[in-house]
Protein backbone atom coordinates (compact mmCIF):
# COMPACT_ATOMS: atom_id res chain seq x y z
CA MET A 1 116.47 3.50 -14.42
CA ASN A 2 115.37 0.64 -16.65
CA ARG A 3 112.16 1.34 -18.55
CA PHE A 4 112.09 -2.27 -19.76
CA CYS A 5 111.54 -3.47 -16.19
CA LYS A 6 108.06 -4.87 -15.59
CA TYR A 7 106.51 -6.08 -12.34
CA GLU A 8 103.14 -7.31 -11.20
CA ASN A 9 100.44 -4.61 -11.32
CA ILE A 10 102.73 -2.00 -12.90
CA ASP A 11 99.70 -1.10 -15.04
CA LEU A 12 98.05 0.38 -11.93
CA TRP A 13 100.34 3.38 -12.37
CA ASP A 14 98.31 4.25 -15.48
CA GLU A 15 95.58 6.75 -14.63
CA ALA A 16 93.29 5.32 -17.32
CA LYS A 17 93.27 1.99 -15.50
CA TRP A 18 91.35 3.64 -12.66
CA GLN A 19 88.50 5.00 -14.74
CA SER A 20 85.98 2.62 -13.16
CA LYS A 21 87.06 3.77 -9.69
CA THR A 22 86.55 7.45 -10.43
CA SER A 23 83.45 9.20 -9.10
CA SER A 24 80.81 8.86 -11.81
CA ILE A 25 79.61 12.46 -11.35
CA TYR A 26 83.06 13.93 -11.99
CA GLU A 27 82.22 15.32 -15.44
CA LEU A 28 78.96 16.77 -14.13
CA VAL A 29 80.69 18.65 -11.32
CA ARG A 30 83.43 19.71 -13.70
CA TRP A 31 80.79 21.17 -16.06
CA LEU A 32 79.04 22.99 -13.20
CA THR A 33 82.28 24.53 -11.91
CA LYS A 34 83.19 25.72 -15.41
CA GLN A 35 80.17 28.03 -15.56
CA GLU A 36 81.10 31.65 -14.80
CA HIS A 37 77.69 33.31 -14.45
CA PRO A 38 74.92 30.72 -14.58
CA CYS A 39 71.30 31.64 -14.07
CA VAL A 40 70.28 30.24 -10.68
CA PRO A 41 66.61 30.66 -9.72
CA ASN A 42 66.05 31.31 -5.99
CA ARG A 43 69.55 32.84 -5.72
CA VAL A 44 69.30 36.48 -4.66
CA GLU A 45 71.43 38.45 -7.10
CA THR A 46 71.36 41.86 -5.41
CA ILE A 47 72.28 41.65 -1.74
CA ASP A 48 72.70 44.19 1.04
CA ASP A 49 76.36 44.29 2.11
CA SER A 50 75.86 46.91 4.83
CA LEU A 51 76.39 44.34 7.58
CA TRP A 52 79.99 43.70 6.54
CA ARG A 53 81.05 46.57 4.32
CA GLY A 54 84.42 47.80 5.66
CA TYR A 55 84.46 45.36 8.60
CA GLU A 56 88.07 44.30 9.27
CA ASN A 57 88.39 43.02 12.85
CA PRO A 58 91.31 40.53 12.80
CA LYS A 59 89.81 38.39 15.56
CA ASP A 60 86.89 37.51 13.30
CA TYR A 61 89.08 36.56 10.33
CA HIS A 62 89.44 32.81 9.74
CA SER A 63 92.82 32.54 8.01
CA LYS A 64 92.29 28.92 6.97
CA THR A 65 89.19 29.75 4.94
CA GLY A 66 90.09 33.36 4.12
CA SER A 67 86.72 34.43 5.51
CA MET A 68 85.86 37.48 7.58
CA ASN A 69 83.13 35.98 9.75
CA VAL A 70 81.27 39.16 10.60
CA PRO A 71 79.46 38.79 13.96
CA ALA A 72 76.39 40.71 12.77
CA VAL A 73 75.86 38.21 9.94
CA ILE A 74 76.64 35.10 11.98
CA GLU A 75 74.39 36.25 14.83
CA LYS A 76 71.58 36.92 12.40
CA TRP A 77 71.57 33.31 11.25
CA LYS A 78 72.28 31.97 14.73
CA ASN A 79 69.19 33.74 16.02
CA LEU A 80 67.21 31.94 13.33
CA GLY A 81 68.39 28.65 14.82
CA PHE A 82 71.28 27.92 12.44
CA HIS A 83 74.62 26.29 12.95
CA TYR A 84 77.20 28.02 10.72
CA GLU A 85 80.66 26.64 10.13
CA ASP A 86 83.22 27.60 7.48
CA ARG A 87 85.76 24.92 6.59
CA GLU A 88 88.66 24.26 4.24
CA LEU A 89 89.90 21.04 2.67
CA GLY A 90 92.62 20.71 0.06
CA HIS A 91 92.54 24.52 -0.34
CA VAL A 92 88.84 24.44 -1.27
CA ARG A 93 86.51 26.39 1.01
CA TRP A 94 83.03 25.36 2.08
CA ILE A 95 80.26 26.18 4.52
CA VAL A 96 77.95 24.01 6.57
CA MET A 97 74.51 25.41 7.35
CA ALA A 98 71.92 23.40 9.25
CA ALA A 99 69.32 23.77 11.97
CA LYS A 100 71.22 23.68 15.26
CA GLU A 101 68.60 21.52 16.93
CA ALA A 102 68.96 18.91 14.18
CA LEU A 103 72.74 18.72 14.59
CA GLU A 104 72.34 18.23 18.34
CA ASN A 105 70.74 14.87 17.63
CA PRO A 106 73.44 12.91 15.76
CA GLN A 107 71.24 9.81 15.64
CA LYS A 108 68.89 11.69 13.32
CA LYS A 109 70.40 11.60 9.85
CA LEU A 110 69.68 14.64 7.69
CA PRO A 111 69.32 14.91 3.92
CA ALA A 112 72.20 17.04 2.64
CA LEU A 113 72.33 19.31 -0.40
CA MET A 114 75.64 20.32 -1.98
CA VAL A 115 75.57 23.74 -3.69
CA LEU A 116 78.50 24.66 -5.94
CA GLU A 117 79.48 28.29 -6.46
CA LYS A 118 82.45 29.95 -8.22
CA THR A 119 84.14 32.35 -5.78
CA ASP A 120 87.04 34.78 -5.66
CA TYR A 121 89.18 33.79 -2.65
CA THR A 122 90.80 37.22 -2.53
CA ASN A 123 87.44 38.55 -1.31
CA PRO A 124 87.41 38.12 2.50
CA TYR A 125 83.61 38.44 2.54
CA TRP A 126 82.98 35.51 0.19
CA ALA A 127 81.24 33.47 2.90
CA MET A 128 79.06 36.35 4.06
CA GLU A 129 78.01 37.00 0.48
CA MET A 130 77.21 33.35 -0.16
CA LEU A 131 74.92 33.23 2.88
CA GLU A 132 72.95 36.19 1.56
CA HIS A 133 72.85 34.98 -2.04
CA TYR A 134 71.39 31.66 -0.90
CA GLN A 135 69.23 32.83 1.98
CA ALA A 136 66.16 31.16 0.44
CA TYR A 137 68.00 27.83 0.43
CA SER A 138 69.00 28.23 4.08
CA GLU A 139 65.51 29.17 5.19
CA MET A 140 64.12 26.12 3.38
CA ALA A 141 66.75 23.92 5.06
CA ARG A 142 65.74 25.22 8.50
CA ARG A 143 62.04 24.64 7.90
CA GLU A 144 62.49 21.21 6.40
CA GLN A 145 65.38 19.86 8.54
CA MET A 146 68.07 19.65 5.90
CA MET A 147 71.80 20.26 5.81
CA LEU A 148 73.42 22.57 3.27
CA LEU A 149 77.00 22.31 2.04
CA TYR A 150 77.93 25.50 0.19
CA VAL A 151 81.14 24.66 -1.71
CA ALA A 152 83.06 27.70 -2.96
CA MET A 153 85.51 26.89 -5.73
CA GLU A 154 87.90 29.34 -7.30
CA GLN A 155 88.86 26.97 -10.12
CA VAL A 156 87.25 24.17 -12.10
CA ASP A 157 87.19 21.06 -9.91
CA GLU A 158 89.66 18.94 -11.86
CA ASN A 159 90.82 17.00 -8.79
CA MET A 160 87.41 15.84 -7.49
CA MET A 161 87.67 17.81 -4.27
CA TYR A 162 83.87 17.60 -3.98
CA SER A 163 84.35 13.89 -3.19
CA ASN A 164 86.78 14.64 -0.35
CA ILE A 165 84.47 17.34 1.02
CA LEU A 166 81.49 14.98 1.04
CA MET A 167 83.57 12.33 2.79
CA GLU A 168 84.58 14.84 5.45
CA ALA A 169 81.07 16.24 5.81
CA THR A 170 79.45 12.84 6.22
CA SER A 171 82.04 11.85 8.83
CA ILE A 172 81.64 15.02 10.92
CA PHE A 173 77.97 15.85 10.56
CA PRO A 174 74.86 13.61 10.72
CA ALA A 175 74.26 13.58 6.97
CA ASP A 176 72.24 10.67 5.64
CA PRO A 177 74.53 8.77 3.19
CA LYS A 178 71.43 7.64 1.26
CA ARG A 179 70.11 11.19 0.86
CA LEU A 180 72.98 13.23 -0.56
CA TYR A 181 71.92 15.61 -3.32
CA LEU A 182 73.62 17.91 -5.82
CA ASP A 183 71.92 21.18 -6.72
CA LEU A 184 71.35 21.35 -10.49
CA SER A 185 69.80 24.84 -10.50
CA PRO A 186 72.77 26.33 -12.45
CA LEU A 187 72.18 23.69 -15.14
CA TYR A 188 68.41 23.85 -15.57
CA GLY A 189 68.20 27.56 -14.77
CA SER A 190 70.48 28.25 -17.73
CA GLY A 191 68.27 26.26 -20.08
CA HIS A 192 70.32 23.07 -20.15
CA LYS A 193 69.56 19.47 -19.26
CA LEU A 194 71.71 16.60 -17.99
CA SER A 195 71.49 14.97 -21.39
CA ASP A 196 73.11 18.10 -22.91
CA ILE A 197 76.41 17.38 -21.14
CA LYS A 198 78.05 15.08 -23.68
CA GLU A 199 81.02 14.24 -21.44
CA PHE A 200 78.73 13.03 -18.64
CA THR A 201 77.12 9.61 -18.43
CA LEU A 202 74.87 9.06 -15.43
CA LYS A 203 75.30 5.66 -13.86
CA THR A 204 73.40 3.75 -11.22
CA PRO A 205 75.23 2.99 -7.94
CA GLY A 206 75.74 -0.47 -9.45
CA GLY A 207 77.62 1.00 -12.42
CA GLU A 208 74.98 0.65 -15.15
CA ASN A 209 74.39 3.49 -17.60
CA VAL A 210 71.14 5.48 -17.26
CA THR A 211 69.66 6.04 -20.72
CA ASP A 212 67.51 9.05 -19.69
CA PRO A 213 69.46 10.95 -17.01
CA ASP A 214 66.92 13.78 -16.79
CA SER A 215 64.30 11.30 -15.59
CA LYS A 216 66.37 10.85 -12.41
CA VAL A 217 66.21 14.53 -11.47
CA GLU A 218 64.13 15.19 -8.34
CA HIS A 219 62.62 18.42 -7.03
CA MET A 220 63.60 19.16 -3.46
CA GLY A 221 61.64 20.96 -0.77
CA SER A 222 59.30 23.90 -0.98
CA LEU A 223 61.60 25.61 -3.51
CA GLU A 224 61.36 22.54 -5.75
CA LEU A 225 65.06 22.76 -6.50
CA PRO A 226 66.17 20.46 -9.33
CA VAL A 227 68.58 18.01 -7.65
CA LEU A 228 70.28 14.72 -8.35
CA ASN A 229 70.61 12.06 -5.67
CA ILE A 230 74.35 11.36 -5.77
CA SER A 231 74.37 8.75 -3.00
CA GLY A 232 76.61 5.92 -4.18
CA LEU A 233 77.93 8.08 -7.05
CA TRP A 234 80.13 10.72 -5.42
CA ALA A 235 82.91 8.61 -3.90
CA ASN A 236 86.29 8.62 -5.62
CA ASN A 237 87.63 5.14 -4.91
CA LYS A 238 91.27 5.68 -5.76
CA THR A 239 92.70 7.05 -2.53
CA ASN A 240 96.12 5.47 -2.94
CA ASN A 241 96.26 6.72 -6.51
CA PHE A 242 96.18 10.41 -5.58
CA PHE A 243 99.93 10.83 -5.92
CA GLN A 244 99.65 10.56 -9.70
CA ILE A 245 98.40 14.15 -9.67
CA THR A 246 101.25 16.42 -10.77
CA GLN A 247 100.65 18.90 -7.96
CA CYS A 248 101.83 16.38 -5.35
CA GLY A 249 105.43 16.92 -6.42
CA ASN A 250 107.57 19.97 -7.08
CA ALA A 251 109.66 20.64 -10.19
CA THR A 252 112.34 18.12 -9.14
CA TYR A 253 109.98 15.12 -8.97
CA ASN A 254 110.78 12.41 -11.52
CA LYS A 255 107.74 10.13 -11.67
CA GLU A 256 109.36 7.65 -14.06
CA ARG A 257 112.24 7.08 -11.68
CA LEU A 258 109.74 6.18 -8.95
CA LEU A 259 107.73 3.99 -11.32
CA TYR A 260 110.76 1.88 -12.32
CA SER A 261 112.02 1.13 -8.83
CA GLU A 262 111.50 -1.26 -5.94
CA MET A 263 109.55 1.53 -4.23
CA GLY A 264 107.20 1.74 -7.22
CA LYS A 265 106.76 -2.04 -7.15
CA LYS A 266 105.80 -2.00 -3.47
CA LEU A 267 103.40 0.89 -4.02
CA ALA A 268 101.69 -1.04 -6.82
CA GLU A 269 101.22 -3.92 -4.40
CA GLY A 270 99.28 -1.60 -2.11
CA MET A 271 97.34 -0.09 -5.03
CA TYR A 272 96.06 -3.58 -5.83
CA PHE A 273 93.99 -3.55 -2.63
CA GLU A 274 92.23 -0.38 -3.70
CA TYR A 275 91.74 -1.55 -7.23
CA MET A 276 90.38 -5.00 -6.41
CA TYR A 277 88.33 -4.54 -3.24
CA ASP A 278 85.50 -2.21 -2.26
CA ARG A 279 84.76 -3.41 1.27
CA LEU A 280 86.31 -5.41 4.06
CA GLU A 281 83.87 -8.28 3.47
CA ASP A 282 84.95 -8.89 -0.16
CA ASP A 283 85.88 -12.54 -0.61
CA GLY A 284 89.32 -11.86 -2.06
CA LEU A 285 90.29 -9.58 0.80
CA GLN A 286 89.03 -12.06 3.38
CA GLU A 287 91.07 -14.80 1.68
CA TYR A 288 94.18 -12.60 1.87
CA LEU A 289 93.65 -11.96 5.58
CA GLU A 290 93.03 -15.64 6.33
CA LYS A 291 96.07 -16.72 4.32
CA ASN A 292 98.26 -14.32 6.31
CA GLY A 293 96.83 -15.33 9.68
CA LEU A 294 95.16 -11.97 10.31
CA ILE A 295 91.93 -10.87 11.88
CA CYS A 296 90.40 -7.57 10.79
CA LYS A 297 87.19 -6.30 12.37
CA ASN A 298 85.16 -3.11 12.47
CA HIS A 299 83.99 -1.59 15.72
CA ASP A 300 81.95 1.46 16.73
CA ARG A 301 82.48 4.11 19.37
CA ALA A 302 79.91 6.91 19.71
CA GLY A 303 78.78 6.53 16.11
CA SER A 304 82.32 6.48 14.67
CA ARG A 305 83.79 3.41 13.02
CA TRP A 306 87.26 2.12 13.84
CA THR A 307 89.00 -0.87 12.28
CA PHE A 308 91.29 -3.24 14.18
CA LEU A 309 93.89 -5.54 12.64
CA ALA A 310 95.84 -8.19 14.55
CA PRO A 311 97.59 -11.54 14.08
CA GLU A 312 95.36 -14.51 14.89
CA SER A 313 97.97 -15.62 17.43
CA ALA A 314 97.53 -12.43 19.47
CA GLY A 315 97.20 -13.26 23.17
CA LYS A 316 97.43 -17.03 22.76
CA ASP A 317 100.93 -17.08 24.27
CA GLY A 318 99.91 -14.77 27.11
CA GLU A 319 101.89 -11.86 25.69
CA LYS A 320 100.46 -8.45 24.91
CA LEU A 321 101.30 -6.73 21.62
CA PRO A 322 102.19 -3.11 20.92
CA MET A 323 99.59 -1.18 18.90
CA VAL A 324 100.08 1.40 16.17
CA CYS A 325 97.12 3.76 15.79
CA ILE A 326 97.02 5.04 12.23
CA PHE A 327 95.10 8.23 11.54
CA GLN A 328 93.47 7.12 8.30
CA GLU A 329 89.77 7.55 7.49
CA VAL A 330 87.63 4.38 7.73
CA ASN A 331 84.37 6.15 8.51
CA TYR A 332 80.87 5.11 7.49
CA SER A 333 80.77 7.41 4.46
CA ASN A 334 82.35 4.79 2.18
CA ASP A 335 83.17 1.11 2.84
CA HIS A 336 85.97 1.35 0.28
CA LEU A 337 88.01 3.33 2.80
CA ILE A 338 88.92 0.14 4.68
CA PRO A 339 90.66 -1.76 1.84
CA ALA A 340 92.21 1.60 0.89
CA ALA A 341 93.68 1.95 4.40
CA LEU A 342 95.02 -1.60 4.29
CA GLY A 343 96.62 -0.92 0.90
CA ILE A 344 98.18 2.39 1.83
CA TYR A 345 99.67 0.92 5.01
CA LEU A 346 100.35 -2.55 3.62
CA GLU A 347 103.76 -2.70 5.31
CA TYR A 348 102.03 -2.40 8.70
CA VAL A 349 99.64 -5.17 7.61
CA LYS A 350 102.68 -7.34 6.91
CA LEU A 351 104.20 -6.54 10.31
CA ALA A 352 100.94 -7.56 11.95
CA ALA A 353 100.90 -10.80 9.90
CA PHE A 354 104.26 -11.77 11.40
CA GLY A 355 103.01 -11.14 14.93
CA GLU A 356 104.92 -7.91 15.51
CA LEU A 357 102.02 -5.61 16.40
CA CYS A 358 98.33 -4.71 16.19
CA VAL A 359 96.92 -1.83 14.16
CA LEU A 360 93.97 0.48 14.83
CA PHE A 361 92.67 2.64 11.97
CA PHE A 362 90.62 5.78 12.72
CA ALA A 363 90.53 9.44 11.77
CA ALA A 364 88.03 12.22 12.26
CA GLU A 365 88.44 15.63 10.64
CA HIS A 366 89.18 17.83 13.64
CA PRO A 367 91.69 17.53 16.50
CA ASP A 368 88.91 17.68 19.10
CA ASP A 369 87.00 14.89 17.36
CA ASN A 370 90.15 12.79 17.19
CA ASP A 371 90.25 12.75 20.99
CA LEU A 372 87.68 9.97 20.63
CA LEU A 373 90.65 7.75 19.80
CA CYS A 374 91.42 7.62 23.54
CA GLU A 375 88.16 5.76 24.11
CA MET A 376 88.85 3.49 21.14
CA ILE A 377 92.26 2.62 22.58
CA LYS A 378 90.54 1.65 25.84
CA ASP A 379 88.02 -0.44 23.91
CA ALA A 380 90.80 -2.18 21.98
CA SER A 381 92.73 -2.88 25.19
CA GLU A 382 89.66 -4.56 26.68
CA LEU A 383 88.82 -6.58 23.57
CA TYR A 384 92.31 -7.55 22.43
CA PRO A 385 95.72 -8.29 24.02
CA VAL A 386 97.10 -4.76 23.60
CA ASP A 387 100.02 -3.49 25.67
CA PRO A 388 98.78 -0.05 26.85
CA ASP A 389 102.36 1.05 27.58
CA ARG A 390 103.30 0.63 23.93
CA VAL A 391 100.72 2.59 21.95
CA TYR A 392 102.03 4.63 19.00
CA VAL A 393 100.45 7.03 16.50
CA THR A 394 101.13 7.82 12.86
CA GLY A 395 99.40 9.34 9.83
CA HIS A 396 100.13 11.10 6.56
CA SER A 397 99.64 14.73 5.45
CA HIS A 398 96.79 16.36 7.42
CA ASN A 399 96.57 13.12 9.38
CA GLY A 400 100.24 13.68 10.20
CA HIS A 401 99.27 16.99 11.76
CA PHE A 402 96.57 15.15 13.72
CA THR A 403 99.22 12.61 14.76
CA ARG A 404 101.44 15.27 16.28
CA GLU A 405 98.51 17.05 17.93
CA PHE A 406 97.05 13.89 19.46
CA ALA A 407 100.44 12.72 20.77
CA TYR A 408 101.08 15.97 22.61
CA ARG A 409 97.51 16.15 23.92
CA HIS A 410 97.74 12.63 25.33
CA PRO A 411 101.28 11.84 26.53
CA ASP A 412 99.71 9.49 29.08
CA VAL A 413 98.53 7.34 26.15
CA VAL A 414 101.17 7.70 23.41
CA ALA A 415 104.71 6.33 23.68
CA ALA A 416 106.00 7.81 20.38
CA ALA A 417 104.72 9.45 17.20
CA ALA A 418 105.53 9.36 13.48
CA PRO A 419 104.03 12.17 11.34
CA LEU A 420 104.44 11.39 7.64
CA GLY A 421 104.61 13.93 4.80
CA ASN A 422 104.82 16.90 7.15
CA PHE A 423 107.03 19.98 7.03
CA PRO A 424 110.17 19.38 9.14
CA GLY A 425 109.81 22.63 11.05
CA LEU A 426 106.80 24.03 12.86
CA PRO A 427 105.82 27.17 10.91
CA LYS A 428 104.19 30.14 12.57
CA PRO A 429 100.41 30.17 12.05
CA GLU A 430 100.58 33.12 9.66
CA GLU A 431 103.12 31.21 7.52
CA SER A 432 101.27 27.90 7.55
CA GLY A 433 98.37 26.30 5.70
CA GLU A 434 98.53 23.16 7.83
CA ALA A 435 95.50 21.41 9.30
CA VAL A 436 96.67 22.10 12.87
CA LEU A 437 98.31 25.45 13.52
CA VAL A 438 101.03 25.83 16.15
CA PRO A 439 101.02 29.21 17.94
CA ASP A 440 103.77 30.15 20.38
CA GLU A 441 101.79 29.04 23.43
CA LYS A 442 101.47 25.56 21.96
CA ILE A 443 105.23 25.43 21.34
CA GLU A 444 105.71 26.27 25.02
CA ALA A 445 103.30 23.54 26.12
CA MET A 446 104.94 20.95 23.83
CA SER A 447 108.38 21.77 25.21
CA LYS A 448 107.27 20.46 28.61
CA ILE A 449 106.40 17.02 27.18
CA ASP A 450 108.95 14.37 26.30
CA MET A 451 107.54 12.91 23.07
CA PRO A 452 109.80 10.73 20.91
CA LEU A 453 109.00 11.79 17.36
CA ILE A 454 110.18 10.84 13.88
CA ASN A 455 109.07 13.10 11.01
CA PHE A 456 109.18 12.16 7.31
CA SER A 457 109.26 14.46 4.30
CA GLY A 458 109.71 13.74 0.63
CA TYR A 459 112.57 15.69 -0.90
CA SER A 460 110.41 16.53 -3.94
CA GLU A 461 107.11 17.32 -2.19
CA CYS A 462 104.90 20.13 -3.42
CA GLY A 463 105.63 21.83 -0.10
CA CYS A 464 109.38 22.03 -0.81
CA MET A 465 110.27 20.52 2.56
CA TYR A 466 114.08 20.57 2.31
CA PRO A 467 116.63 22.03 2.63
CA LEU A 468 115.89 24.56 5.39
CA ASN A 469 119.16 26.44 4.92
CA GLN A 470 117.80 28.43 1.97
CA ALA A 471 114.62 29.89 0.54
CA ALA A 472 112.10 27.50 -1.02
CA ASP A 473 112.90 26.66 -4.62
CA HIS A 474 111.67 24.24 -7.30
CA LEU A 475 108.06 25.19 -6.57
CA LEU A 476 105.58 24.82 -9.42
CA PRO A 477 103.11 27.67 -10.09
CA GLY A 478 100.40 27.72 -7.43
CA GLN A 479 102.48 25.92 -4.79
CA GLU A 480 103.68 29.06 -3.02
CA PHE A 481 101.07 28.76 -0.26
CA MET A 482 102.18 25.23 0.68
CA CYS A 483 105.27 26.06 2.71
CA PRO A 484 107.30 28.87 4.29
CA LEU A 485 109.17 30.57 1.48
CA SER A 486 112.04 32.68 2.82
CA PHE A 487 115.16 31.36 4.53
CA GLU A 488 114.24 33.27 7.69
CA SER A 489 110.76 31.70 7.94
CA ARG A 490 112.03 28.20 7.11
CA ALA A 491 114.94 28.36 9.53
CA GLY A 492 112.66 29.98 12.11
CA SER A 493 110.25 27.06 11.80
CA TRP A 494 113.15 24.73 12.62
CA GLN A 495 113.98 26.76 15.72
CA ARG A 496 110.35 26.32 16.82
CA ARG A 497 110.59 22.55 16.25
CA LEU A 498 113.72 22.40 18.42
CA ARG A 499 112.02 24.33 21.22
CA ALA A 500 108.93 22.11 21.04
CA SER A 501 111.08 18.96 21.30
CA GLY A 502 113.21 20.26 24.17
CA CYS A 503 116.37 20.49 22.05
CA PRO A 504 119.06 23.21 22.10
CA VAL A 505 117.98 25.95 19.70
CA LYS A 506 120.34 26.84 16.86
CA THR A 507 120.84 30.37 15.56
CA LEU A 508 119.90 31.41 12.03
CA ASP A 509 123.61 31.67 11.27
CA GLU A 510 124.18 28.10 12.42
CA ILE A 511 121.29 26.87 10.29
CA GLY A 512 122.49 28.82 7.27
CA ALA A 513 126.02 27.47 7.70
CA THR A 514 124.79 23.92 7.08
CA ALA A 515 124.92 24.68 3.34
CA LYS A 516 128.71 24.29 3.60
CA SER A 517 128.80 21.47 6.14
CA GLU A 518 131.19 18.57 5.59
CA ASP A 519 128.36 16.21 6.57
CA PHE A 520 126.28 15.15 3.55
CA VAL A 521 122.95 14.76 5.42
CA THR A 522 123.40 18.10 7.16
CA ARG A 523 123.83 19.79 3.77
CA LYS A 524 120.90 17.94 2.19
CA LEU A 525 118.42 18.67 4.98
CA GLY A 526 119.81 22.07 5.91
CA ILE A 527 119.59 21.47 9.66
CA PRO A 528 122.35 20.99 12.25
CA CYS A 529 122.18 17.50 13.76
CA ASP A 530 124.08 15.36 16.25
CA LYS A 531 124.06 12.08 14.29
CA SER A 532 123.30 11.31 10.67
CA GLU A 533 123.29 8.51 8.13
CA VAL A 534 122.22 7.83 4.56
CA LEU A 535 120.14 4.68 4.03
CA PHE A 536 119.55 3.33 0.53
CA ILE A 537 116.08 1.75 0.66
CA ASP A 538 113.93 0.52 -2.24
CA GLY A 539 116.09 2.40 -4.73
CA PHE A 540 116.30 5.82 -3.04
CA GLU A 541 118.46 7.66 -0.55
CA HIS A 542 116.93 8.33 2.85
CA TYR A 543 118.61 11.16 4.76
CA VAL A 544 118.35 10.49 8.50
CA ALA A 545 119.21 13.14 11.11
CA ASP A 546 119.07 12.66 14.88
CA ILE A 547 118.90 15.61 17.25
CA ARG A 548 119.74 15.25 20.93
CA ASN A 549 117.51 17.00 23.48
CA THR A 550 118.71 18.93 26.53
CA ALA A 551 118.54 15.71 28.60
CA GLY A 552 120.96 14.05 26.20
CA LYS A 553 118.32 11.75 24.67
CA TYR A 554 117.86 11.10 20.96
CA HIS A 555 114.09 11.57 20.85
CA LEU A 556 113.84 13.63 17.65
CA ARG A 557 114.58 12.17 14.22
CA MET A 558 114.09 13.76 10.81
CA VAL A 559 114.01 11.80 7.57
CA GLY A 560 114.10 13.26 4.05
CA ILE A 561 113.53 10.90 1.12
CA GLU A 562 115.08 11.45 -2.30
CA ASN A 563 112.73 12.18 -5.26
CA MET A 564 109.55 11.61 -3.25
CA PRO A 565 106.37 13.67 -3.75
CA HIS A 566 103.61 14.10 -1.19
CA MET A 567 102.61 10.48 -0.58
CA PRO A 568 102.86 7.74 2.09
CA LEU A 569 105.69 5.32 1.30
CA PRO A 570 106.44 1.72 2.30
CA SER A 571 109.87 2.75 3.66
CA MET A 572 108.21 5.26 5.98
CA VAL A 573 106.54 2.36 7.76
CA GLY A 574 109.72 0.38 8.31
CA LEU A 575 111.75 3.36 9.47
CA SER A 576 109.01 4.76 11.70
CA TRP A 577 108.45 1.41 13.38
CA SER A 578 112.19 0.87 13.93
CA PHE A 579 112.23 4.22 15.74
CA MET A 580 108.97 4.04 17.72
CA ARG A 581 109.37 0.47 18.98
CA ARG A 582 112.38 1.60 21.03
CA PHE A 583 110.06 3.43 23.41
CA ALA A 584 107.36 2.68 25.95
CA ARG A 585 105.44 5.04 28.23
CA ASN A 586 105.09 4.87 32.01
CA ARG A 587 101.48 6.01 32.06
CA LYS A 588 101.57 6.98 35.72
CA THR A 589 104.71 9.13 35.72
CA LEU A 590 104.48 9.98 31.97
CA GLU A 591 108.18 9.14 31.69
CA VAL A 592 109.50 7.73 28.43
CA VAL A 593 110.96 4.26 28.89
CA GLU A 594 113.99 3.54 26.71
CA ARG A 595 113.54 -0.13 25.85
CA TYR A 596 117.03 -0.34 24.34
């Protein structure tokens, strides 16, 4: 490692450089989530817990949110015409409450109010209690056709999770992006004002300082709640910069080694897109696309935006191009998401520039909603010269889970899949915090589908992905929930992966014995494999393991990457494309076609 090495845009690795891209209400939300027992008018302090006291039916427990959704409580609000939904994102829990009739008309955009509350996640009745504490808010929302987002945080929001939650909420529900409000009752109810928060400077959506922030406070609805319109202020425009957060890596992650490497240089090249551009129409971005012979256009399907990227030469020679569908958010909540997607997956942009493929960006926030991608693929095939037999899917982190789920739901559409940043095995639901759980019946269904799949994991991810031949180690405090911990659960998750991919299942003893294998990759990954190699790419070792299925085909590949935290990498693109492009799909017989 040479700390004297400098490359273009290396300064983008400095968190301070991104200050202008950070949500301008960060310090306000941070102040609100620091308050332990604020005075909140219209919040009912003494509530009747008789509806849920002692209720412990496992079928009503939502493990992802840690909430016991007691039927008596849910039915009470349902009978009042409410839609109730408890959700989780980035280990933060939140509730959506809105008039059901309003949600049934997605063309009607609703004003949305975000209410922040400190909560103890060990309490399984946290959601039921929140509904009762804020019943006056909910009743007002029903009368006045509003949407409520109750965000329950156990810790101070240091990582701007409120921004991610708002992005998800505005993509799933018909929230009006111009009428998004933050409840300031804890502030004003406790005798404070916005101007009292010295760390916070209110800005206009254009970035200018507001000299009298309290003059911008509005009073919402019949309760006259003090609120701040945060439209244009809540977005955190540094998506590709998230990996600078310490929690993305475990104790073995060496950030400096990544910074001073070819990998770091390529990542900075992608960061530049996020730093420089805020929308697809920005002149600089359009100049880049034109210079590289690319077309990039937005389209709509059922109120959801999808972005298509292709070489200008596409179709002019009569040939159809393969298409990679990337699960990456480009929804209407924030135009910045499009240059962010192009930056994160810049290596796919380059492949498209050289005429190799087309790219479709889209992601919703639920596997059922992502089924809309099937219609988008049809739209793309009608509008552009796309080869429908060569459609592939990929995505990182929770979008990697969506990648796997979509591929197995639609084997008539997908020729191969590449989940990125996902655990190598398929943990049991009770041992998993993943976005898409995999119960035994799903393993059985997957085993009947031939789906070529390459899975990537960083060797220093917060989830402690490898090796699987031992218990999880090198975890930092608070990372225990991110992965299976014991050898038995980790090795068992690998057995489930083998079953799902139609491969011979190895015993726990065989998996444990890999710790003493003569093969380097087998030892490093902790899984028995049929072929292996070590590739040195962009300054780091990539451990590649191929597993043969019961039909003798190499349709399952695992890749572990040295010193990599939880982040999408340029090398993931090259390796995933080299794997997926080998396959096509006979959409009538569903057979996998080995192109070579």
